[in-house]
Amino acid sequence: MIKVLNAWWYNGTIGIVKVFNGFEVKYYIGIGYGQDEKEDIDKILKYGSRFYPEVFEVE
């Protein structure tokens, strides 16, 4: 079962969703409708792309 841990929104429709699938934390990015946060999260998890925030870490 996937547990939503957090969601961040940009301009009301673009979002990044952080989830825990029972084994690891994953992030997904996608576009919602901007009307209902739960529906938008579900849409991003179904149709969004995997997002890797570690690419922004400075070494």
Protein backbone atom coordinates (compact mmCIF):
# COMPACT_ATOMS: atom_id res chain seq x y z
CA MET A 1 0.00 0.00 0.00
CA ILE A 2 1.30 3.44 -0.90
CA LYS A 3 1.25 6.09 1.82
CA VAL A 4 1.38 9.74 0.74
CA LEU A 5 3.91 11.52 2.95
CA ASN A 6 3.81 15.02 1.45
CA ALA A 7 2.99 17.07 -1.63
CA TRP A 8 4.41 20.34 -2.92
CA TRP A 9 2.57 22.50 -5.45
CA TYR A 10 3.82 25.02 -7.99
CA ASN A 11 1.33 27.44 -9.58
CA GLY A 12 -1.59 25.34 -8.30
CA THR A 13 -1.37 22.53 -10.84
CA ILE A 14 2.21 21.20 -11.01
CA GLY A 15 3.06 19.01 -8.07
CA ILE A 16 5.66 16.73 -6.55
CA VAL A 17 4.30 13.91 -4.39
CA LYS A 18 6.41 12.03 -1.82
CA VAL A 19 5.24 8.49 -1.02
CA PHE A 20 6.34 5.44 0.95
CA ASN A 21 5.55 2.09 -0.68
CA GLY A 22 6.46 -0.07 2.31
CA PHE A 23 10.07 -0.47 1.18
CA GLU A 24 11.37 2.93 0.08
CA VAL A 25 10.48 6.60 -0.28
CA LYS A 26 9.72 7.69 -3.85
CA TYR A 27 8.82 10.98 -5.49
CA TYR A 28 6.58 11.65 -8.49
CA ILE A 29 6.05 14.85 -10.47
CA GLY A 30 3.10 15.69 -12.65
CA ILE A 31 0.20 17.97 -13.47
CA GLY A 32 -3.16 18.09 -11.71
CA TYR A 33 -6.33 20.04 -12.38
CA GLY A 34 -5.88 22.48 -9.50
CA GLN A 35 -9.37 21.88 -8.07
CA ASP A 36 -9.01 18.99 -5.60
CA GLU A 37 -5.71 18.08 -3.96
CA LYS A 38 -6.57 14.40 -3.39
CA GLU A 39 -7.64 13.94 -7.03
CA ASP A 40 -4.50 15.71 -8.21
CA ILE A 41 -2.27 13.51 -6.04
CA ASP A 42 -3.99 10.39 -7.38
CA LYS A 43 -3.55 11.64 -10.96
CA ILE A 44 0.16 12.36 -10.41
CA LEU A 45 0.73 8.93 -8.87
CA LYS A 46 -1.04 7.26 -11.80
CA TYR A 47 0.26 9.33 -14.74
CA GLY A 48 3.19 11.34 -13.38
CA SER A 49 6.89 10.71 -13.81
CA ARG A 50 9.34 9.44 -11.23
CA PHE A 51 11.28 12.34 -9.73
CA TYR A 52 14.77 12.08 -8.20
CA PRO A 53 15.41 15.04 -5.84
CA GLU A 54 18.97 13.88 -5.15
CA VAL A 55 20.02 15.28 -8.54
CA PHE A 56 19.85 18.71 -6.88
CA GLU A 57 22.23 17.81 -4.04
CA VAL A 58 25.52 19.70 -4.12
CA GLU A 59 28.62 17.61 -3.50
